[in-house]
Amino acid sequence: MSAFWDVVLSPYGLAFYGAFWVFKILAGAWMLRKAMLLLPVRAQTWTEDKLGRLKLRGRGPRRLG
Protein backbone atom coordinates (compact mmCIF):
# COMPACT_ATOMS: atom_id res chain seq x y z
CA MET A 1 0.00 0.00 0.00
CA SER A 2 2.93 2.32 0.57
CA ALA A 3 3.90 2.11 -3.10
CA PHE A 4 0.39 3.27 -4.04
CA TRP A 5 0.72 6.44 -1.95
CA ASP A 6 4.21 7.04 -3.29
CA VAL A 7 2.74 7.19 -6.79
CA VAL A 8 -0.33 9.22 -5.82
CA LEU A 9 1.66 11.82 -3.89
CA SER A 10 4.44 12.07 -6.46
CA PRO A 11 4.57 15.12 -8.75
CA TYR A 12 3.18 13.02 -11.61
CA GLY A 13 0.35 11.73 -9.45
CA LEU A 14 -0.61 15.22 -8.32
CA ALA A 15 -0.44 16.51 -11.91
CA PHE A 16 -2.66 13.64 -13.04
CA TYR A 17 -5.12 14.43 -10.24
CA GLY A 18 -5.25 18.10 -11.26
CA ALA A 19 -5.70 17.17 -14.92
CA PHE A 20 -8.51 14.80 -13.95
CA TRP A 21 -10.43 17.61 -12.25
CA VAL A 22 -9.87 20.02 -15.14
CA PHE A 23 -11.20 17.38 -17.54
CA LYS A 24 -14.15 16.62 -15.27
CA ILE A 25 -15.17 20.30 -15.02
CA LEU A 26 -14.81 20.89 -18.77
CA ALA A 27 -16.72 17.72 -19.63
CA GLY A 28 -19.49 18.71 -17.22
CA ALA A 29 -19.75 22.18 -18.78
CA TRP A 30 -19.91 20.63 -22.24
CA MET A 31 -22.65 18.22 -21.17
CA LEU A 32 -24.68 21.03 -19.58
CA ARG A 33 -24.38 23.09 -22.76
CA LYS A 34 -25.59 20.15 -24.86
CA ALA A 35 -28.42 19.43 -22.42
CA MET A 36 -29.58 23.06 -22.63
CA LEU A 37 -30.02 22.65 -26.38
CA LEU A 38 -32.68 20.03 -25.68
CA LEU A 39 -34.76 22.49 -23.68
CA PRO A 40 -37.57 24.52 -25.23
CA VAL A 41 -36.62 28.09 -26.20
CA ARG A 42 -38.47 29.60 -23.24
CA ALA A 43 -36.61 27.33 -20.80
CA GLN A 44 -33.30 28.14 -22.52
CA THR A 45 -33.97 31.86 -22.08
CA TRP A 46 -34.88 31.37 -18.41
CA THR A 47 -31.78 29.25 -17.78
CA GLU A 48 -29.48 31.72 -19.54
CA ASP A 49 -30.97 34.53 -17.46
CA LYS A 50 -30.37 32.64 -14.21
CA LEU A 51 -26.81 31.72 -15.23
CA GLY A 52 -26.18 35.33 -16.20
CA ARG A 53 -27.30 36.52 -12.79
CA LEU A 54 -24.88 34.04 -11.19
CA LYS A 55 -22.17 35.20 -13.63
CA LEU A 56 -21.76 31.64 -14.94
CA ARG A 57 -23.04 32.21 -18.46
CA GLY A 58 -19.78 33.04 -20.20
CA ARG A 59 -18.58 36.12 -22.00
CA GLY A 60 -20.74 38.25 -24.22
CA PRO A 61 -24.22 37.71 -25.51
CA ARG A 62 -24.31 34.32 -27.17
CA ARG A 63 -27.27 32.25 -28.21
CA LEU A 64 -27.15 28.49 -27.90
CA GLY A 65 -27.67 26.51 -31.06
PDB file of N, CA and C in Angstrom:
ATOM      1  N   MET A   1       0.817  -1.190   0.000  1.00  0.00           N
ATOM      2  CA  MET A   1       0.000   0.000   0.000  1.00  0.00           C
ATOM      3  C   MET A   1       0.865   1.259   0.000  1.00  0.00           C
ATOM      4  N   SER A   2       2.039   1.171   0.541  1.00  0.00           N
ATOM      5  CA  SER A   2       2.931   2.319   0.569  1.00  0.00           C
ATOM      6  C   SER A   2       3.349   2.737  -0.836  1.00  0.00           C
ATOM      7  N   ALA A   3       3.526   1.782  -1.722  1.00  0.00           N
ATOM      8  CA  ALA A   3       3.901   2.109  -3.101  1.00  0.00           C
ATOM      9  C   ALA A   3       2.772   2.882  -3.789  1.00  0.00           C
ATOM     10  N   PHE A   4       1.539   2.547  -3.477  1.00  0.00           N
ATOM     11  CA  PHE A   4       0.395   3.269  -4.044  1.00  0.00           C
ATOM     12  C   PHE A   4       0.462   4.747  -3.671  1.00  0.00           C
ATOM     13  N   TRP A   5       0.673   5.051  -2.399  1.00  0.00           N
ATOM     14  CA  TRP A   5       0.715   6.442  -1.950  1.00  0.00           C
ATOM     15  C   TRP A   5       1.949   7.155  -2.478  1.00  0.00           C
ATOM     16  N   ASP A   6       3.026   6.425  -2.691  1.00  0.00           N
ATOM     17  CA  ASP A   6       4.213   7.043  -3.294  1.00  0.00           C
ATOM     18  C   ASP A   6       3.900   7.545  -4.697  1.00  0.00           C
ATOM     19  N   VAL A   7       3.115   6.780  -5.434  1.00  0.00           N
ATOM     20  CA  VAL A   7       2.744   7.191  -6.790  1.00  0.00           C
ATOM     21  C   VAL A   7       1.730   8.323  -6.744  1.00  0.00           C
ATOM     22  N   VAL A   8       0.733   8.208  -5.885  1.00  0.00           N
ATOM     23  CA  VAL A   8      -0.326   9.220  -5.817  1.00  0.00           C
ATOM     24  C   VAL A   8       0.233  10.561  -5.375  1.00  0.00           C
ATOM     25  N   LEU A   9       1.121  10.578  -4.432  1.00  0.00           N
ATOM     26  CA  LEU A   9       1.658  11.825  -3.892  1.00  0.00           C
ATOM     27  C   LEU A   9       2.902  12.317  -4.617  1.00  0.00           C
ATOM     28  N   SER A  10       3.294  11.617  -5.672  1.00  0.00           N
ATOM     29  CA  SER A  10       4.436  12.074  -6.465  1.00  0.00           C
ATOM     30  C   SER A  10       3.995  13.259  -7.325  1.00  0.00           C
ATOM     31  N   PRO A  11       4.950  14.002  -7.867  1.00  0.00           N
ATOM     32  CA  PRO A  11       4.571  15.124  -8.745  1.00  0.00           C
ATOM     33  C   PRO A  11       3.702  14.682  -9.926  1.00  0.00           C
ATOM     34  N   TYR A  12       3.984  13.512 -10.501  1.00  0.00           N
ATOM     35  CA  TYR A  12       3.176  13.019 -11.613  1.00  0.00           C
ATOM     36  C   TYR A  12       1.768  12.662 -11.151  1.00  0.00           C
ATOM     37  N   GLY A  13       1.657  12.078  -9.991  1.00  0.00           N
ATOM     38  CA  GLY A  13       0.350  11.731  -9.451  1.00  0.00           C
ATOM     39  C   GLY A  13      -0.497  12.961  -9.170  1.00  0.00           C
ATOM     40  N   LEU A  14       0.122  13.986  -8.600  1.00  0.00           N
ATOM     41  CA  LEU A  14      -0.608  15.222  -8.324  1.00  0.00           C
ATOM     42  C   LEU A  14      -0.994  15.933  -9.617  1.00  0.00           C
ATOM     43  N   ALA A  15      -0.117  15.906 -10.621  1.00  0.00           N
ATOM     44  CA  ALA A  15      -0.439  16.506 -11.914  1.00  0.00           C
ATOM     45  C   ALA A  15      -1.599  15.752 -12.570  1.00  0.00           C
ATOM     46  N   PHE A  16      -1.577  14.433 -12.479  1.00  0.00           N
ATOM     47  CA  PHE A  16      -2.663  13.638 -13.035  1.00  0.00           C
ATOM     48  C   PHE A  16      -3.978  13.956 -12.324  1.00  0.00           C
ATOM     49  N   TYR A  17      -3.925  14.105 -11.023  1.00  0.00           N
ATOM     50  CA  TYR A  17      -5.118  14.429 -10.239  1.00  0.00           C
ATOM     51  C   TYR A  17      -5.679  15.793 -10.653  1.00  0.00           C
ATOM     52  N   GLY A  18      -4.803  16.772 -10.812  1.00  0.00           N
ATOM     53  CA  GLY A  18      -5.248  18.098 -11.263  1.00  0.00           C
ATOM     54  C   GLY A  18      -5.838  18.044 -12.662  1.00  0.00           C
ATOM     55  N   ALA A  19      -5.195  17.300 -13.554  1.00  0.00           N
ATOM     56  CA  ALA A  19      -5.701  17.167 -14.921  1.00  0.00           C
ATOM     57  C   ALA A  19      -7.055  16.462 -14.932  1.00  0.00           C
ATOM     58  N   PHE A  20      -7.230  15.490 -14.064  1.00  0.00           N
ATOM     59  CA  PHE A  20      -8.514  14.802 -13.952  1.00  0.00           C
ATOM     60  C   PHE A  20      -9.625  15.782 -13.614  1.00  0.00           C
ATOM     61  N   TRP A  21      -9.396  16.666 -12.647  1.00  0.00           N
ATOM     62  CA  TRP A  21     -10.430  17.612 -12.247  1.00  0.00           C
ATOM     63  C   TRP A  21     -10.693  18.641 -13.327  1.00  0.00           C
ATOM     64  N   VAL A  22      -9.668  19.090 -14.026  1.00  0.00           N
ATOM     65  CA  VAL A  22      -9.875  20.021 -15.136  1.00  0.00           C
ATOM     66  C   VAL A  22     -10.734  19.358 -16.201  1.00  0.00           C
ATOM     67  N   PHE A  23     -10.415  18.113 -16.551  1.00  0.00           N
ATOM     68  CA  PHE A  23     -11.197  17.380 -17.539  1.00  0.00           C
ATOM     69  C   PHE A  23     -12.638  17.198 -17.069  1.00  0.00           C
ATOM     70  N   LYS A  24     -12.811  16.863 -15.815  1.00  0.00           N
ATOM     71  CA  LYS A  24     -14.152  16.623 -15.271  1.00  0.00           C
ATOM     72  C   LYS A  24     -15.002  17.893 -15.328  1.00  0.00           C
ATOM     73  N   ILE A  25     -14.437  19.036 -14.990  1.00  0.00           N
ATOM     74  CA  ILE A  25     -15.169  20.298 -15.019  1.00  0.00           C
ATOM     75  C   ILE A  25     -15.513  20.682 -16.454  1.00  0.00           C
ATOM     76  N   LEU A  26     -14.552  20.543 -17.372  1.00  0.00           N
ATOM     77  CA  LEU A  26     -14.814  20.885 -18.767  1.00  0.00           C
ATOM     78  C   LEU A  26     -15.838  19.953 -19.398  1.00  0.00           C
ATOM     79  N   ALA A  27     -15.756  18.672 -19.096  1.00  0.00           N
ATOM     80  CA  ALA A  27     -16.723  17.718 -19.634  1.00  0.00           C
ATOM     81  C   ALA A  27     -18.120  18.004 -19.078  1.00  0.00           C
ATOM     82  N   GLY A  28     -18.203  18.369 -17.818  1.00  0.00           N
ATOM     83  CA  GLY A  28     -19.487  18.709 -17.219  1.00  0.00           C
ATOM     84  C   GLY A  28     -20.089  19.956 -17.857  1.00  0.00           C
ATOM     85  N   ALA A  29     -19.261  20.967 -18.120  1.00  0.00           N
ATOM     86  CA  ALA A  29     -19.749  22.182 -18.776  1.00  0.00           C
ATOM     87  C   ALA A  29     -20.233  21.870 -20.187  1.00  0.00           C
ATOM     88  N   TRP A  30     -19.510  21.013 -20.887  1.00  0.00           N
ATOM     89  CA  TRP A  30     -19.914  20.628 -22.242  1.00  0.00           C
ATOM     90  C   TRP A  30     -21.245  19.888 -22.219  1.00  0.00           C
ATOM     91  N   MET A  31     -21.399  18.970 -21.262  1.00  0.00           N
ATOM     92  CA  MET A  31     -22.653  18.216 -21.170  1.00  0.00           C
ATOM     93  C   MET A  31     -23.826  19.125 -20.803  1.00  0.00           C
ATOM     94  N   LEU A  32     -23.611  20.091 -19.923  1.00  0.00           N
ATOM     95  CA  LEU A  32     -24.681  21.029 -19.580  1.00  0.00           C
ATOM     96  C   LEU A  32     -25.086  21.869 -20.784  1.00  0.00           C
ATOM     97  N   ARG A  33     -24.089  22.304 -21.572  1.00  0.00           N
ATOM     98  CA  ARG A  33     -24.383  23.093 -22.756  1.00  0.00           C
ATOM     99  C   ARG A  33     -25.212  22.283 -23.756  1.00  0.00           C
ATOM    100  N   LYS A  34     -24.838  21.013 -23.949  1.00  0.00           N
ATOM    101  CA  LYS A  34     -25.585  20.146 -24.863  1.00  0.00           C
ATOM    102  C   LYS A  34     -26.989  19.861 -24.323  1.00  0.00           C
ATOM    103  N   ALA A  35     -27.115  19.702 -23.013  1.00  0.00           N
ATOM    104  CA  ALA A  35     -28.418  19.433 -22.418  1.00  0.00           C
ATOM    105  C   ALA A  35     -29.330  20.651 -22.555  1.00  0.00           C
ATOM    106  N   MET A  36     -28.766  21.851 -22.486  1.00  0.00           N
ATOM    107  CA  MET A  36     -29.577  23.057 -22.631  1.00  0.00           C
ATOM    108  C   MET A  36     -30.167  23.169 -24.030  1.00  0.00           C
ATOM    109  N   LEU A  37     -29.495  22.610 -25.022  1.00  0.00           N
ATOM    110  CA  LEU A  37     -30.020  22.653 -26.382  1.00  0.00           C
ATOM    111  C   LEU A  37     -31.289  21.817 -26.522  1.00  0.00           C
ATOM    112  N   LEU A  38     -31.494  20.870 -25.635  1.00  0.00           N
ATOM    113  CA  LEU A  38     -32.679  20.030 -25.685  1.00  0.00           C
ATOM    114  C   LEU A  38     -33.897  20.695 -25.054  1.00  0.00           C
ATOM    115  N   LEU A  39     -33.664  21.786 -24.338  1.00  0.00           N
ATOM    116  CA  LEU A  39     -34.758  22.494 -23.678  1.00  0.00           C
ATOM    117  C   LEU A  39     -35.543  23.330 -24.681  1.00  0.00           C
ATOM    118  N   PRO A  40     -36.809  23.575 -24.390  1.00  0.00           N
ATOM    119  CA  PRO A  40     -37.571  24.520 -25.227  1.00  0.00           C
ATOM    120  C   PRO A  40     -36.944  25.916 -25.143  1.00  0.00           C
ATOM    121  N   VAL A  41     -37.240  26.758 -26.132  1.00  0.00           N
ATOM    122  CA  VAL A  41     -36.621  28.086 -26.204  1.00  0.00           C
ATOM    123  C   VAL A  41     -36.911  28.898 -24.945  1.00  0.00           C
ATOM    124  N   ARG A  42     -38.124  28.823 -24.443  1.00  0.00           N
ATOM    125  CA  ARG A  42     -38.473  29.599 -23.244  1.00  0.00           C
ATOM    126  C   ARG A  42     -37.629  29.147 -22.045  1.00  0.00           C
ATOM    127  N   ALA A  43     -37.424  27.843 -21.912  1.00  0.00           N
ATOM    128  CA  ALA A  43     -36.608  27.330 -20.805  1.00  0.00           C
ATOM    129  C   ALA A  43     -35.137  27.698 -21.007  1.00  0.00           C
ATOM    130  N   GLN A  44     -34.680  27.723 -22.258  1.00  0.00           N
ATOM    131  CA  GLN A  44     -33.296  28.142 -22.523  1.00  0.00           C
ATOM    132  C   GLN A  44     -33.094  29.589 -22.103  1.00  0.00           C
ATOM    133  N   THR A  45     -34.060  30.451 -22.444  1.00  0.00           N
ATOM    134  CA  THR A  45     -33.967  31.863 -22.082  1.00  0.00           C
ATOM    135  C   THR A  45     -33.950  32.029 -20.565  1.00  0.00           C
ATOM    136  N   TRP A  46     -34.821  31.297 -19.881  1.00  0.00           N
ATOM    137  CA  TRP A  46     -34.881  31.373 -18.413  1.00  0.00           C
ATOM    138  C   TRP A  46     -33.562  30.906 -17.804  1.00  0.00           C
ATOM    139  N   THR A  47     -33.029  29.795 -18.319  1.00  0.00           N
ATOM    140  CA  THR A  47     -31.780  29.247 -17.785  1.00  0.00           C
ATOM    141  C   THR A  47     -30.621  30.201 -18.036  1.00  0.00           C
ATOM    142  N   GLU A  48     -30.544  30.761 -19.236  1.00  0.00           N
ATOM    143  CA  GLU A  48     -29.477  31.722 -19.539  1.00  0.00           C
ATOM    144  C   GLU A  48     -29.568  32.940 -18.642  1.00  0.00           C
ATOM    145  N   ASP A  49     -30.793  33.398 -18.354  1.00  0.00           N
ATOM    146  CA  ASP A  49     -30.973  34.533 -17.460  1.00  0.00           C
ATOM    147  C   ASP A  49     -30.461  34.209 -16.058  1.00  0.00           C
ATOM    148  N   LYS A  50     -30.814  33.024 -15.554  1.00  0.00           N
ATOM    149  CA  LYS A  50     -30.367  32.643 -14.209  1.00  0.00           C
ATOM    150  C   LYS A  50     -28.845  32.480 -14.162  1.00  0.00           C
ATOM    151  N   LEU A  51     -28.267  31.873 -15.192  1.00  0.00           N
ATOM    152  CA  LEU A  51     -26.806  31.716 -15.226  1.00  0.00           C
ATOM    153  C   LEU A  51     -26.120  33.072 -15.351  1.00  0.00           C
ATOM    154  N   GLY A  52     -26.732  33.985 -16.081  1.00  0.00           N
ATOM    155  CA  GLY A  52     -26.178  35.333 -16.201  1.00  0.00           C
ATOM    156  C   GLY A  52     -26.181  36.066 -14.877  1.00  0.00           C
ATOM    157  N   ARG A  53     -27.236  35.876 -14.104  1.00  0.00           N
ATOM    158  CA  ARG A  53     -27.298  36.518 -12.787  1.00  0.00           C
ATOM    159  C   ARG A  53     -26.241  35.948 -11.840  1.00  0.00           C
ATOM    160  N   LEU A  54     -25.921  34.666 -12.016  1.00  0.00           N
ATOM    161  CA  LEU A  54     -24.883  34.044 -11.191  1.00  0.00           C
ATOM    162  C   LEU A  54     -23.488  34.258 -11.762  1.00  0.00           C
ATOM    163  N   LYS A  55     -23.426  34.931 -12.921  1.00  0.00           N
ATOM    164  CA  LYS A  55     -22.172  35.200 -13.629  1.00  0.00           C
ATOM    165  C   LYS A  55     -21.482  33.903 -14.062  1.00  0.00           C
ATOM    166  N   LEU A  56     -22.291  32.923 -14.476  1.00  0.00           N
ATOM    167  CA  LEU A  56     -21.761  31.643 -14.943  1.00  0.00           C
ATOM    168  C   LEU A  56     -22.030  31.422 -16.430  1.00  0.00           C
ATOM    169  N   ARG A  57     -22.602  32.407 -17.088  1.00  0.00           N
ATOM    170  CA  ARG A  57     -23.042  32.208 -18.457  1.00  0.00           C
ATOM    171  C   ARG A  57     -21.908  32.251 -19.468  1.00  0.00           C
ATOM    172  N   GLY A  58     -20.842  32.899 -19.206  1.00  0.00           N
ATOM    173  CA  GLY A  58     -19.780  33.041 -20.196  1.00  0.00           C
ATOM    174  C   GLY A  58     -19.649  34.499 -20.588  1.00  0.00           C
ATOM    175  N   ARG A  59     -18.872  34.747 -21.616  1.00  0.00           N
ATOM    176  CA  ARG A  59     -18.583  36.122 -21.999  1.00  0.00           C
ATOM    177  C   ARG A  59     -19.406  36.533 -23.192  1.00  0.00           C
ATOM    178  N   GLY A  60     -20.006  37.684 -23.109  1.00  0.00           N
ATOM    179  CA  GLY A  60     -20.738  38.248 -24.222  1.00  0.00           C
ATOM    180  C   GLY A  60     -22.081  37.586 -24.469  1.00  0.00           C
ATOM    181  N   PRO A  61     -22.924  38.302 -25.190  1.00  0.00           N
ATOM    182  CA  PRO A  61     -24.221  37.706 -25.512  1.00  0.00           C
ATOM    183  C   PRO A  61     -24.049  36.633 -26.568  1.00  0.00           C
ATOM    184  N   ARG A  62     -24.479  35.446 -26.261  1.00  0.00           N
ATOM    185  CA  ARG A  62     -24.313  34.318 -27.174  1.00  0.00           C
ATOM    186  C   ARG A  62     -25.542  33.447 -27.058  1.00  0.00           C
ATOM    187  N   ARG A  63     -26.117  33.127 -28.190  1.00  0.00           N
ATOM    188  CA  ARG A  63     -27.273  32.245 -28.208  1.00  0.00           C
ATOM    189  C   ARG A  63     -26.806  30.816 -28.398  1.00  0.00           C
ATOM    190  N   LEU A  64     -27.455  29.902 -27.714  1.00  0.00           N
ATOM    191  CA  LEU A  64     -27.146  28.488 -27.905  1.00  0.00           C
ATOM    192  C   LEU A  64     -27.771  28.024 -29.200  1.00  0.00           C
ATOM    193  N   GLY A  65     -27.078  27.085 -29.859  1.00  0.00           N
ATOM    194  CA  GLY A  65     -27.671  26.509 -31.055  1.00  0.00           C
ATOM    195  C   GLY A  65     -27.041  26.907 -32.293  1.00  0.00           C
TER     196      GLY A  65
END
